Amino acid sequence: MAVHLMTHSVYSLLSSTLTISKLVTSAKAKGFQAIALTDYHNMHGSVAFTLMCQKHHVKPILGVTLSLTLDEELVDFVMLAQNLKGYQNLTYLTSQLNQAPFILESNHLKDHLNDVIIIVLSEGGIFEKAMLDMDGAAIKHYISRLNQVFDAYYVGISMQESMYWQSKNEFLKAILKQEQIQSVALAKVFYDEPNDAKTLLTLQAIKTQKQVNDPALVQYDHHHLLSVDELVEHYDLEDLETTDRINASISTYDLANLTTLPVYQNNQNVNNKVYLRHLCKVGFSKRYPQKQHEPRYQQRLQMELDLITKMNYEDYFLIVYDIIRFAHVENIPVGPGRGSAAGSMVAYCLGITHVDPMHYGLLFERFLNPERISMPDIDIDFSDQRRDEIITYLTNKYSQEHVAHIVTFGTLKTKMSLRDVGRAYDVPLRIIDRLTKQIPARHNITLRQAFEQSKGFRKMISESEALQEVFEMAMKIEHFPRHVSTHAAGIVLSQAPLSSVVPLMQVEADTLSTQYSMEYLEDLGLIKIDLLGLRNLTIIDEIVQSLK
């Protein structure tokens, strides 16, 4: 058996054709029981990858490809997490790397080399020139320098499918053996099958704003997902056995519930379950002065509080209550509440919402239900011009290490994929514009659906070989992530430092963002709070102020 220890997914933006699903299902089909994900400088796909591996009974190995600056040269290496502590080393380093300006140097690694496996690249890495020149002295010099950085490491052997590189690898391995450095099979995987190389070339052209026939583009041949049999055919048995030993040294660990919400600090010297009940009692008397003694009102409040405290969500409600309180103190316009949270009497009594759920017959169970797995979700509307003040307040109160925005991905949507591929294939923009105008105006329509539903779209493609090529390639890359952005409203707060839970990145200047998109944060124990900036609230406030 063997294990692929270096694979890049579509989250190495525009540098791989492998979706998480395709990577895992193809690995399973090709006979692998374990596989690593090692995207370049990021961990965007880690949780999705873990869940997909669990679904298909494949062991996930979480890692990352990093570049270290050493003596003004770049050392590319793979870092694999052996356990949860190793995972946290990865999240810390990738968080630092994605906060500009930051250059990874050896002093940044010294506290983060435990519980990880290091594999230094040979071909495509620091050894490549010396291998091409058959310069044994240079190879020994690099080994000496690497020995000063890493207590233990492997050197990856790649490109064994190439007769040319086989001889270079043999030369390197002989020196590694003399220096007592272990080699390991490291086939670099950027796409699934050999015929996907052109798709990767197209992505490279889009990324660099070049055309696919530009000689400056790197041709990534021999970077498909080799099967177990193909690895055995091309790579030395001892190097493949080393992949198995590395795999055996990596434990299976759980990323669930790595943190909770911060504990709300009340000023009454009581626990927050008691404090929440106290605030609700005060709010109840204000909201329902004529209904305080009606059993169904009292029972409704008691039922909600019992469930909220049983599920340990008291801090969530108190934090949201505190956000609303701050906004009122600072005269920041706040909306009356939206969504299922309007069905909560607790939210109404705390002043989070201003819609009486009893009067309108709204159900609390739509908002919070013990039989539902999902966490509560309260959306809060603020003036769009003053939303940043809310985020600054939270950052100052809980510190930047505990508050973050949430990343989102701009994807290659239907028209965008056609335009990008058309540009890469040197098709005139006016023709691509005519083609995209034939796409029906339907939300989230796919290229395949457009072809089936639009006669004009089909006609233009069928009459032009160039457009047929563009269309077929655009379908292959449709929905791939193209760039990172920030979720319009969502933030997360964490009791533990966020960089020990989730990798972070600098998307906006004021606050860091998680590298995981929102659908994967709940699994880690993070609860999303939506702080929406509405232009309507700003306009209403401006009108009110002008009338005073």
Protein backbone atom coordinates (compact mmCIF):
# COMPACT_ATOMS: atom_id res chain seq x y z
CA MET A 1 0.00 0.00 0.00
CA ALA A 2 1.07 3.65 -0.45
CA VAL A 3 -0.21 7.09 0.48
CA HIS A 4 -0.27 10.37 -1.45
CA LEU A 5 1.25 12.97 0.91
CA MET A 6 1.04 16.08 -1.30
CA THR A 7 -2.20 17.07 -3.01
CA HIS A 8 -3.58 20.48 -3.88
CA SER A 9 -7.30 21.16 -4.22
CA VAL A 10 -9.23 23.97 -5.89
CA TYR A 11 -8.61 25.94 -2.66
CA SER A 12 -5.05 26.49 -3.91
CA LEU A 13 -6.86 29.10 -5.92
CA LEU A 14 -6.67 28.57 -9.71
CA SER A 15 -3.78 26.11 -9.17
CA SER A 16 -5.60 22.77 -9.08
CA THR A 17 -8.62 21.17 -10.73
CA LEU A 18 -9.43 18.89 -7.78
CA THR A 19 -12.55 19.66 -5.79
CA ILE A 20 -12.59 18.16 -2.31
CA SER A 21 -15.20 15.66 -3.42
CA LYS A 22 -13.25 14.64 -6.52
CA LEU A 23 -10.00 14.27 -4.56
CA VAL A 24 -11.49 11.94 -1.96
CA THR A 25 -13.73 9.87 -4.22
CA SER A 26 -10.98 9.42 -6.79
CA ALA A 27 -8.48 8.41 -4.07
CA LYS A 28 -10.98 5.85 -2.81
CA ALA A 29 -11.62 4.51 -6.31
CA LYS A 30 -7.88 4.25 -7.00
CA GLY A 31 -7.29 2.05 -3.98
CA PHE A 32 -6.14 4.44 -1.24
CA GLN A 33 -7.13 4.05 2.40
CA ALA A 34 -5.62 7.40 3.41
CA ILE A 35 -4.72 10.64 1.64
CA ALA A 36 -3.31 14.06 2.57
CA LEU A 37 -4.57 17.52 1.67
CA THR A 38 -1.72 20.05 1.50
CA ASP A 39 -2.94 23.22 -0.20
CA TYR A 40 -0.44 26.03 -0.69
CA HIS A 41 -0.26 28.38 2.33
CA ASN A 42 -3.90 27.83 3.32
CA MET A 43 -6.24 25.35 5.00
CA HIS A 44 -9.55 26.47 3.44
CA GLY A 45 -10.61 22.94 2.60
CA SER A 46 -9.53 21.11 5.79
CA VAL A 47 -12.91 20.61 7.46
CA ALA A 48 -14.70 19.79 4.21
CA PHE A 49 -11.90 17.34 3.40
CA THR A 50 -12.16 15.67 6.83
CA LEU A 51 -15.92 15.28 6.53
CA MET A 52 -15.67 13.91 2.98
CA CYS A 53 -13.01 11.40 4.03
CA GLN A 54 -15.17 10.24 6.93
CA LYS A 55 -18.09 9.78 4.54
CA HIS A 56 -16.03 7.56 2.23
CA HIS A 57 -14.06 5.75 4.97
CA VAL A 58 -10.72 7.23 3.92
CA LYS A 59 -8.27 8.41 6.57
CA PRO A 60 -7.74 12.21 6.27
CA ILE A 61 -4.23 13.62 6.71
CA LEU A 62 -4.30 17.38 7.20
CA GLY A 63 -1.35 19.37 5.98
CA VAL A 64 -0.17 22.42 4.12
CA THR A 65 2.54 23.33 1.60
CA LEU A 66 4.74 26.13 2.92
CA SER A 67 7.64 28.23 1.65
CA LEU A 68 10.47 29.05 4.04
CA THR A 69 12.99 31.80 3.33
CA LEU A 70 16.47 30.45 4.12
CA ASP A 71 19.63 32.33 3.13
CA GLU A 72 17.55 34.34 0.65
CA GLU A 73 16.38 31.12 -1.03
CA LEU A 74 12.94 29.55 -0.84
CA VAL A 75 12.59 26.13 0.73
CA ASP A 76 9.25 24.56 -0.23
CA PHE A 77 8.10 21.86 2.15
CA VAL A 78 5.03 19.92 3.21
CA MET A 79 3.96 19.99 6.86
CA LEU A 80 1.57 17.26 8.02
CA ALA A 81 -0.25 17.29 11.37
CA GLN A 82 0.26 14.12 13.43
CA ASN A 83 -2.40 15.00 16.01
CA LEU A 84 -4.48 17.90 17.31
CA LYS A 85 -1.40 19.77 18.55
CA GLY A 86 0.10 19.40 15.10
CA TYR A 87 -3.12 20.73 13.58
CA GLN A 88 -2.84 23.77 15.85
CA ASN A 89 0.74 24.33 14.66
CA LEU A 90 -0.61 24.37 11.10
CA THR A 91 -3.42 26.80 11.95
CA TYR A 92 -0.97 29.12 13.69
CA LEU A 93 1.56 29.20 10.85
CA THR A 94 -1.01 29.57 8.08
CA SER A 95 -2.68 32.34 10.09
CA GLN A 96 0.63 34.20 10.24
CA LEU A 97 1.35 33.63 6.55
CA ASN A 98 -1.98 35.12 5.53
CA GLN A 99 -1.46 38.36 7.40
CA ALA A 100 0.57 40.69 5.18
CA PRO A 101 3.38 41.45 5.37
CA PHE A 102 4.80 38.16 6.66
CA ILE A 103 7.70 36.08 5.36
CA LEU A 104 8.18 32.66 6.95
CA GLU A 105 11.69 32.31 8.37
CA SER A 106 13.33 29.64 10.50
CA ASN A 107 12.79 31.53 13.79
CA HIS A 108 9.02 31.41 13.19
CA LEU A 109 9.12 27.61 13.07
CA LYS A 110 11.07 26.83 16.24
CA ASP A 111 8.02 26.54 18.52
CA HIS A 112 5.86 24.77 15.96
CA LEU A 113 7.82 21.72 14.84
CA ASN A 114 6.49 19.25 17.39
CA ASP A 115 3.72 16.84 16.38
CA VAL A 116 4.25 17.46 12.68
CA ILE A 117 5.95 15.68 9.77
CA ILE A 118 8.23 17.76 7.52
CA ILE A 119 8.87 16.74 3.90
CA VAL A 120 11.22 19.01 1.93
CA LEU A 121 10.61 19.11 -1.82
CA SER A 122 13.47 18.07 -4.11
CA GLU A 123 12.28 18.56 -7.72
CA GLY A 124 10.59 21.95 -7.78
CA GLY A 125 12.32 22.83 -4.51
CA ILE A 126 15.65 23.88 -3.07
CA PHE A 127 17.49 20.81 -4.40
CA GLU A 128 16.35 21.12 -8.01
CA LYS A 129 19.21 23.15 -9.49
CA ALA A 130 21.83 21.02 -7.74
CA MET A 131 20.09 17.87 -9.00
CA LEU A 132 20.03 19.18 -12.57
CA ASP A 133 23.73 20.08 -12.35
CA MET A 134 24.57 16.82 -10.55
CA ASP A 135 26.25 19.02 -7.93
CA GLY A 136 26.75 16.81 -4.87
CA ALA A 137 28.55 19.54 -2.89
CA ALA A 138 25.58 21.89 -3.25
CA ILE A 139 23.16 19.15 -2.15
CA LYS A 140 25.28 18.48 0.94
CA HIS A 141 25.36 22.22 1.69
CA TYR A 142 21.55 22.41 1.59
CA ILE A 143 21.27 19.34 3.81
CA SER A 144 23.59 20.99 6.33
CA ARG A 145 21.46 24.15 6.37
CA LEU A 146 18.22 22.17 6.66
CA ASN A 147 19.68 20.22 9.60
CA GLN A 148 20.00 23.52 11.43
CA VAL A 149 16.31 24.33 10.89
CA PHE A 150 14.60 20.96 11.32
CA ASP A 151 15.37 18.36 13.98
CA ALA A 152 13.89 15.73 11.69
CA TYR A 153 12.66 15.82 8.12
CA TYR A 154 12.21 13.75 4.97
CA VAL A 155 13.12 14.68 1.41
CA GLY A 156 10.36 14.05 -1.11
CA ILE A 157 11.10 12.16 -4.33
CA SER A 158 8.91 13.30 -7.23
CA MET A 159 8.48 12.92 -10.99
CA GLN A 160 9.47 9.25 -11.12
CA GLU A 161 7.25 8.91 -14.20
CA SER A 162 9.92 10.84 -16.12
CA MET A 163 13.01 8.91 -17.25
CA TYR A 164 14.98 12.15 -17.06
CA TRP A 165 14.09 12.73 -13.42
CA GLN A 166 14.66 9.10 -12.42
CA SER A 167 18.41 9.51 -12.88
CA LYS A 168 18.39 12.83 -10.98
CA ASN A 169 16.46 11.23 -8.14
CA GLU A 170 18.91 8.33 -7.94
CA PHE A 171 21.79 10.81 -7.66
CA LEU A 172 20.02 12.71 -4.86
CA LYS A 173 19.03 9.56 -2.98
CA ALA A 174 22.60 8.29 -2.91
CA ILE A 175 23.71 11.49 -1.18
CA LEU A 176 20.71 11.44 1.18
CA LYS A 177 21.67 7.92 2.24
CA GLN A 178 25.24 9.06 2.94
CA GLU A 179 23.88 11.91 5.06
CA GLN A 180 21.37 9.63 6.83
CA ILE A 181 18.36 11.58 5.56
CA GLN A 182 15.26 9.53 4.77
CA SER A 183 13.62 9.92 1.35
CA VAL A 184 9.91 9.43 0.74
CA ALA A 185 7.71 9.13 -2.36
CA LEU A 186 6.05 12.49 -2.93
CA ALA A 187 4.06 12.54 -6.16
CA LYS A 188 2.67 16.07 -6.49
CA VAL A 189 -1.03 15.91 -7.26
CA PHE A 190 -2.75 18.91 -8.88
CA TYR A 191 -5.42 17.15 -10.97
CA ASP A 192 -7.16 13.80 -11.28
CA GLU A 193 -6.34 12.31 -14.70
CA PRO A 194 -3.58 13.07 -17.27
CA ASN A 195 -6.05 14.77 -19.64
CA ASP A 196 -6.86 17.32 -16.89
CA ALA A 197 -3.47 18.98 -17.48
CA LYS A 198 -5.02 21.33 -20.04
CA THR A 199 -7.66 22.41 -17.54
CA LEU A 200 -4.92 23.28 -15.06
CA LEU A 201 -3.07 25.19 -17.77
CA THR A 202 -6.28 27.16 -18.42
CA LEU A 203 -6.59 28.01 -14.72
CA GLN A 204 -2.96 29.15 -14.72
CA ALA A 205 -3.69 31.39 -17.72
CA ILE A 206 -6.71 32.89 -15.93
CA LYS A 207 -4.68 33.42 -12.76
CA THR A 208 -1.81 35.16 -14.54
CA GLN A 209 -4.02 36.92 -17.13
CA LYS A 210 -2.16 35.23 -19.95
CA GLN A 211 -3.26 33.08 -22.89
CA VAL A 212 -2.93 29.30 -22.81
CA ASN A 213 -0.36 29.34 -25.61
CA ASP A 214 1.94 31.73 -23.71
CA PRO A 215 5.34 29.99 -23.33
CA ALA A 216 5.78 31.64 -19.92
CA LEU A 217 3.09 29.39 -18.44
CA VAL A 218 4.37 26.35 -16.54
CA GLN A 219 3.29 23.01 -18.03
CA TYR A 220 2.41 20.70 -15.13
CA ASP A 221 2.69 17.27 -16.74
CA HIS A 222 2.81 14.14 -14.55
CA HIS A 223 0.82 15.73 -11.74
CA HIS A 224 -2.30 13.57 -11.81
CA LEU A 225 -3.53 11.33 -9.00
CA LEU A 226 -1.57 8.14 -9.58
CA SER A 227 -3.30 4.92 -8.54
CA VAL A 228 -1.71 2.57 -6.02
CA ASP A 229 -0.55 0.34 -8.89
CA GLU A 230 0.98 3.31 -10.75
CA LEU A 231 2.87 4.42 -7.64
CA VAL A 232 4.23 0.89 -7.19
CA GLU A 233 5.26 0.85 -10.87
CA HIS A 234 7.19 4.13 -10.77
CA TYR A 235 8.50 4.61 -7.23
CA ASP A 236 11.03 2.66 -5.19
CA LEU A 237 9.47 0.28 -2.71
CA GLU A 238 11.40 1.73 0.23
CA ASP A 239 10.08 5.23 -0.54
CA LEU A 240 6.53 3.94 -0.71
CA GLU A 241 6.96 2.05 2.55
CA THR A 242 8.04 5.33 4.12
CA THR A 243 4.69 6.87 3.13
CA ASP A 244 3.01 4.04 5.04
CA ARG A 245 5.18 4.64 8.11
CA ILE A 246 4.34 8.34 8.02
CA ASN A 247 0.67 7.52 7.72
CA ALA A 248 0.92 5.13 10.68
CA SER A 249 2.50 7.90 12.79
CA ILE A 250 -0.50 10.17 12.20
CA SER A 251 -3.40 9.70 14.57
CA THR A 252 -7.06 10.27 13.84
CA TYR A 253 -8.29 13.26 15.81
CA ASP A 254 -11.55 15.12 16.16
CA LEU A 255 -11.96 18.79 15.20
CA ALA A 256 -15.40 19.03 16.80
CA ASN A 257 -16.04 21.44 19.65
CA LEU A 258 -12.54 22.89 19.91
CA THR A 259 -13.98 26.01 21.51
CA THR A 260 -17.13 27.68 22.81
CA LEU A 261 -18.43 31.21 22.95
CA PRO A 262 -16.61 33.58 25.32
CA VAL A 263 -18.11 33.65 28.82
CA TYR A 264 -20.06 36.88 29.20
CA GLN A 265 -18.73 38.90 32.13
CA ASN A 266 -21.68 40.21 34.15
CA ASN A 267 -21.26 42.68 37.01
CA GLN A 268 -23.56 40.92 39.49
CA ASN A 269 -21.16 38.21 40.70
CA VAL A 270 -23.60 35.43 39.73
CA ASN A 271 -23.39 32.74 37.07
CA ASN A 272 -24.83 33.61 33.69
CA LYS A 273 -27.77 31.22 33.89
CA VAL A 274 -29.00 33.16 36.93
CA TYR A 275 -28.12 36.52 35.36
CA LEU A 276 -30.06 35.73 32.18
CA ARG A 277 -33.14 34.85 34.23
CA HIS A 278 -32.78 38.09 36.18
CA LEU A 279 -32.59 40.22 33.02
CA CYS A 280 -35.58 38.42 31.52
CA LYS A 281 -37.62 38.94 34.68
CA VAL A 282 -36.93 42.68 34.55
CA GLY A 283 -37.64 42.79 30.80
CA PHE A 284 -40.81 40.73 31.23
CA SER A 285 -42.29 43.26 33.64
CA LYS A 286 -41.57 46.06 31.15
CA ARG A 287 -42.80 44.25 28.05
CA TYR A 288 -45.92 42.72 29.62
CA PRO A 289 -47.07 45.05 32.42
CA GLN A 290 -50.69 43.83 32.06
CA LYS A 291 -49.86 40.15 31.50
CA GLN A 292 -47.34 39.41 34.25
CA HIS A 293 -49.63 37.09 36.15
CA GLU A 294 -51.14 35.23 33.20
CA PRO A 295 -49.96 31.58 33.42
CA ARG A 296 -49.42 31.08 29.68
CA TYR A 297 -47.06 34.08 29.51
CA GLN A 298 -45.11 32.97 32.57
CA GLN A 299 -45.00 29.39 31.30
CA ARG A 300 -43.73 30.51 27.89
CA LEU A 301 -40.87 32.50 29.43
CA GLN A 302 -40.00 29.68 31.81
CA MET A 303 -40.04 27.11 28.99
CA GLU A 304 -37.68 29.19 26.84
CA LEU A 305 -35.27 29.90 29.70
CA ASP A 306 -35.18 26.25 30.74
CA LEU A 307 -34.30 25.16 27.21
CA ILE A 308 -31.75 27.92 26.62
CA THR A 309 -29.89 27.19 29.87
CA LYS A 310 -30.16 23.42 29.39
CA MET A 311 -28.45 23.79 26.00
CA ASN A 312 -25.86 26.19 27.52
CA TYR A 313 -26.74 29.09 25.22
CA GLU A 314 -27.04 31.70 27.98
CA ASP A 315 -23.74 33.34 26.97
CA TYR A 316 -24.93 33.60 23.37
CA PHE A 317 -28.06 35.53 24.42
CA LEU A 318 -26.12 37.72 26.85
CA ILE A 319 -23.49 38.61 24.24
CA VAL A 320 -26.20 39.59 21.74
CA TYR A 321 -28.01 41.52 24.48
CA ASP A 322 -24.76 43.37 25.23
CA ILE A 323 -24.29 44.25 21.54
CA ILE A 324 -27.79 45.74 21.40
CA ARG A 325 -27.22 47.59 24.70
CA PHE A 326 -24.00 49.14 23.35
CA ALA A 327 -25.74 50.22 20.14
CA HIS A 328 -28.51 51.96 22.11
CA VAL A 329 -26.01 53.72 24.38
CA GLU A 330 -24.14 54.99 21.31
CA ASN A 331 -27.37 55.91 19.46
CA ILE A 332 -26.62 53.46 16.66
CA PRO A 333 -29.85 52.62 14.80
CA VAL A 334 -30.89 49.00 15.35
CA GLY A 335 -33.56 47.02 13.51
CA PRO A 336 -36.57 45.47 15.29
CA GLY A 337 -35.44 41.88 14.64
CA ARG A 338 -35.80 39.44 11.80
CA GLY A 339 -36.07 35.74 11.09
CA SER A 340 -36.89 32.99 13.54
CA ALA A 341 -35.42 34.92 16.51
CA ALA A 342 -38.62 36.99 16.50
CA GLY A 343 -40.32 33.88 17.90
CA SER A 344 -38.37 34.11 21.16
CA MET A 345 -39.93 35.76 24.21
CA VAL A 346 -36.48 35.80 25.84
CA ALA A 347 -35.12 37.83 22.92
CA TYR A 348 -38.13 40.14 23.20
CA CYS A 349 -37.68 40.64 26.96
CA LEU A 350 -33.95 41.33 26.52
CA GLY A 351 -34.64 44.00 23.90
CA ILE A 352 -32.93 42.00 21.16
CA THR A 353 -36.16 41.97 19.14
CA HIS A 354 -39.17 44.28 19.25
CA VAL A 355 -41.82 41.91 17.95
CA ASP A 356 -44.11 40.34 20.55
CA PRO A 357 -44.17 36.60 19.75
CA MET A 358 -47.27 36.06 21.89
CA HIS A 359 -49.31 38.72 20.09
CA TYR A 360 -48.39 37.34 16.66
CA GLY A 361 -48.47 33.65 17.61
CA LEU A 362 -44.82 33.04 16.71
CA LEU A 363 -43.24 29.72 17.61
CA PHE A 364 -40.07 29.54 19.70
CA GLU A 365 -39.40 26.05 18.33
CA ARG A 366 -38.66 27.50 14.90
CA PHE A 367 -35.76 29.35 16.51
CA LEU A 368 -34.44 26.82 19.01
CA ASN A 369 -35.41 23.18 19.25
CA PRO A 370 -33.56 20.41 21.14
CA GLU A 371 -34.38 18.01 18.31
CA ARG A 372 -32.66 20.26 15.78
CA ILE A 373 -28.88 19.95 15.44
CA SER A 374 -28.30 23.53 14.25
CA MET A 375 -27.33 26.28 16.68
CA PRO A 376 -29.40 29.42 17.26
CA ASP A 377 -28.95 32.22 14.76
CA ILE A 378 -29.87 35.82 15.61
CA ASP A 379 -29.56 38.37 12.80
CA ILE A 380 -29.20 41.98 13.92
CA ASP A 381 -29.62 44.99 11.63
CA PHE A 382 -27.62 48.19 12.15
CA SER A 383 -27.09 51.39 10.25
CA ASP A 384 -24.65 50.54 7.48
CA GLN A 385 -22.55 53.60 8.28
CA ARG A 386 -22.05 52.56 11.91
CA ARG A 387 -21.79 48.77 11.75
CA ASP A 388 -18.00 49.00 12.05
CA GLU A 389 -18.42 50.56 15.50
CA ILE A 390 -20.12 47.37 16.68
CA ILE A 391 -17.29 45.20 15.41
CA THR A 392 -14.70 47.51 16.97
CA TYR A 393 -16.55 47.26 20.29
CA LEU A 394 -16.49 43.45 20.16
CA THR A 395 -12.83 43.38 19.15
CA ASN A 396 -11.87 45.71 21.99
CA LYS A 397 -13.94 43.76 24.51
CA TYR A 398 -12.89 40.22 23.60
CA SER A 399 -9.55 41.01 21.81
CA GLN A 400 -8.62 40.43 18.18
CA GLU A 401 -7.50 36.88 18.96
CA HIS A 402 -11.10 35.97 19.82
CA VAL A 403 -13.16 37.80 17.15
CA ALA A 404 -13.12 37.25 13.39
CA HIS A 405 -15.04 37.82 10.20
CA ILE A 406 -15.90 34.80 8.04
CA VAL A 407 -14.36 34.12 4.66
CA THR A 408 -16.42 33.58 1.54
CA PHE A 409 -15.27 32.62 -1.93
CA GLY A 410 -15.97 34.37 -5.18
CA THR A 411 -16.49 31.56 -7.67
CA LEU A 412 -16.28 31.11 -11.40
CA LYS A 413 -19.97 31.53 -12.11
CA THR A 414 -21.61 30.90 -15.45
CA LYS A 415 -20.78 34.14 -17.26
CA MET A 416 -17.49 34.68 -15.45
CA SER A 417 -16.19 31.24 -16.45
CA LEU A 418 -17.02 31.92 -20.11
CA ARG A 419 -15.33 35.33 -20.02
CA ASP A 420 -12.21 34.06 -18.27
CA VAL A 421 -11.80 31.05 -20.57
CA GLY A 422 -12.58 33.17 -23.64
CA ARG A 423 -9.83 35.61 -22.66
CA ALA A 424 -7.37 32.74 -22.07
CA TYR A 425 -8.25 31.24 -25.46
CA ASP A 426 -7.96 34.59 -27.26
CA VAL A 427 -11.60 34.75 -28.33
CA PRO A 428 -12.64 38.38 -28.95
CA LEU A 429 -14.54 39.90 -26.03
CA ARG A 430 -17.39 41.12 -28.26
CA ILE A 431 -18.12 37.50 -29.25
CA ILE A 432 -18.04 36.30 -25.63
CA ASP A 433 -20.35 39.19 -24.68
CA ARG A 434 -22.82 38.15 -27.39
CA LEU A 435 -22.67 34.58 -26.10
CA THR A 436 -23.28 35.50 -22.46
CA LYS A 437 -26.28 37.62 -23.45
CA GLN A 438 -27.92 34.43 -24.70
CA ILE A 439 -27.90 32.93 -21.19
CA PRO A 440 -31.39 33.03 -19.62
CA ALA A 441 -31.74 35.48 -16.72
CA ARG A 442 -32.20 32.85 -14.03
CA HIS A 443 -30.56 32.81 -10.62
CA ASN A 444 -27.78 30.22 -10.34
CA ILE A 445 -28.32 28.85 -13.82
CA THR A 446 -25.50 26.55 -14.92
CA LEU A 447 -23.81 26.41 -18.30
CA ARG A 448 -25.37 23.01 -18.96
CA GLN A 449 -28.84 24.40 -18.19
CA ALA A 450 -28.20 27.44 -20.37
CA PHE A 451 -27.24 25.15 -23.26
CA GLU A 452 -30.42 23.12 -22.81
CA GLN A 453 -32.76 26.10 -22.39
CA SER A 454 -31.43 28.76 -24.78
CA LYS A 455 -31.70 28.18 -28.51
CA GLY A 456 -29.50 31.19 -29.26
CA PHE A 457 -26.81 29.96 -26.86
CA ARG A 458 -26.80 26.51 -28.48
CA LYS A 459 -26.71 27.99 -31.98
CA MET A 460 -23.66 30.19 -31.32
CA ILE A 461 -21.72 27.30 -29.77
CA SER A 462 -22.62 24.78 -32.47
CA GLU A 463 -21.52 27.17 -35.24
CA SER A 464 -18.06 27.93 -33.79
CA GLU A 465 -15.29 25.47 -32.93
CA ALA A 466 -13.61 28.16 -30.81
CA LEU A 467 -16.77 28.67 -28.74
CA GLN A 468 -17.25 24.92 -28.42
CA GLU A 469 -13.78 24.70 -26.88
CA VAL A 470 -14.48 27.64 -24.60
CA PHE A 471 -17.83 26.19 -23.53
CA GLU A 472 -16.43 22.74 -22.76
CA MET A 473 -13.56 24.17 -20.72
CA ALA A 474 -15.81 26.64 -18.91
CA MET A 475 -18.04 23.77 -17.79
CA LYS A 476 -15.02 22.01 -16.28
CA ILE A 477 -14.06 24.99 -14.10
CA GLU A 478 -17.55 26.34 -13.39
CA HIS A 479 -18.06 27.01 -9.64
CA PHE A 480 -14.35 26.70 -8.79
CA PRO A 481 -13.34 29.28 -6.15
CA ARG A 482 -11.61 32.23 -7.79
CA HIS A 483 -10.80 34.61 -4.94
CA VAL A 484 -11.48 35.17 -1.25
CA SER A 485 -13.84 37.75 0.17
CA THR A 486 -15.59 38.50 3.48
CA HIS A 487 -19.06 37.38 4.52
CA ALA A 488 -21.33 40.42 4.39
CA ALA A 489 -22.59 40.07 7.96
CA GLY A 490 -21.22 37.07 9.85
CA ILE A 491 -18.70 37.20 12.68
CA VAL A 492 -17.58 34.54 15.14
CA LEU A 493 -16.42 34.85 18.76
CA SER A 494 -14.36 32.24 20.58
CA GLN A 495 -13.40 31.49 24.16
CA ALA A 496 -10.11 29.92 22.98
CA PRO A 497 -7.69 31.94 20.82
CA LEU A 498 -9.06 31.55 17.31
CA SER A 499 -5.71 30.62 15.76
CA SER A 500 -5.72 27.44 17.87
CA VAL A 501 -9.16 26.51 16.49
CA VAL A 502 -9.31 27.75 12.93
CA PRO A 503 -6.72 29.21 10.52
CA LEU A 504 -7.17 32.95 10.00
CA MET A 505 -6.37 35.39 7.22
CA GLN A 506 -6.30 39.11 6.51
CA VAL A 507 -9.01 39.93 4.00
CA GLU A 508 -9.95 43.34 5.37
CA ALA A 509 -7.68 45.74 7.23
CA ASP A 510 -9.60 45.98 10.51
CA THR A 511 -10.33 42.36 11.51
CA LEU A 512 -9.09 38.91 10.59
CA SER A 513 -11.31 36.35 8.87
CA THR A 514 -11.56 32.61 9.33
CA GLN A 515 -10.11 30.54 6.50
CA TYR A 516 -13.12 28.22 6.78
CA SER A 517 -16.43 29.30 5.29
CA MET A 518 -19.47 29.54 7.53
CA GLU A 519 -20.93 26.08 6.89
CA TYR A 520 -17.94 24.44 8.59
CA LEU A 521 -17.54 26.67 11.66
CA GLU A 522 -20.33 25.22 13.77
CA ASP A 523 -18.58 21.83 13.82
CA LEU A 524 -15.63 23.47 15.59
CA GLY A 525 -17.85 24.95 18.32
CA LEU A 526 -18.07 28.43 16.78
CA ILE A 527 -21.43 30.19 16.61
CA LYS A 528 -22.02 32.77 13.89
CA ILE A 529 -23.61 36.12 14.78
CA ASP A 530 -24.93 38.11 11.82
CA LEU A 531 -24.42 41.88 12.10
CA LEU A 532 -26.02 43.34 9.01
CA GLY A 533 -25.50 46.90 7.81
CA LEU A 534 -28.70 48.29 6.28
CA ARG A 535 -28.87 51.46 4.23
CA ASN A 536 -32.57 51.79 5.11
CA LEU A 537 -31.76 52.27 8.80
CA THR A 538 -29.25 54.97 7.91
CA ILE A 539 -31.82 56.81 5.77
CA ILE A 540 -34.48 56.58 8.47
CA ASP A 541 -32.03 57.89 11.07
CA GLU A 542 -30.99 60.78 8.83
CA ILE A 543 -34.64 61.74 8.28
CA VAL A 544 -35.36 61.58 12.02
CA GLN A 545 -32.31 63.70 12.80
CA SER A 546 -33.30 66.29 10.18
CA LEU A 547 -36.74 66.63 11.79
CA LYS A 548 -35.38 67.37 15.27
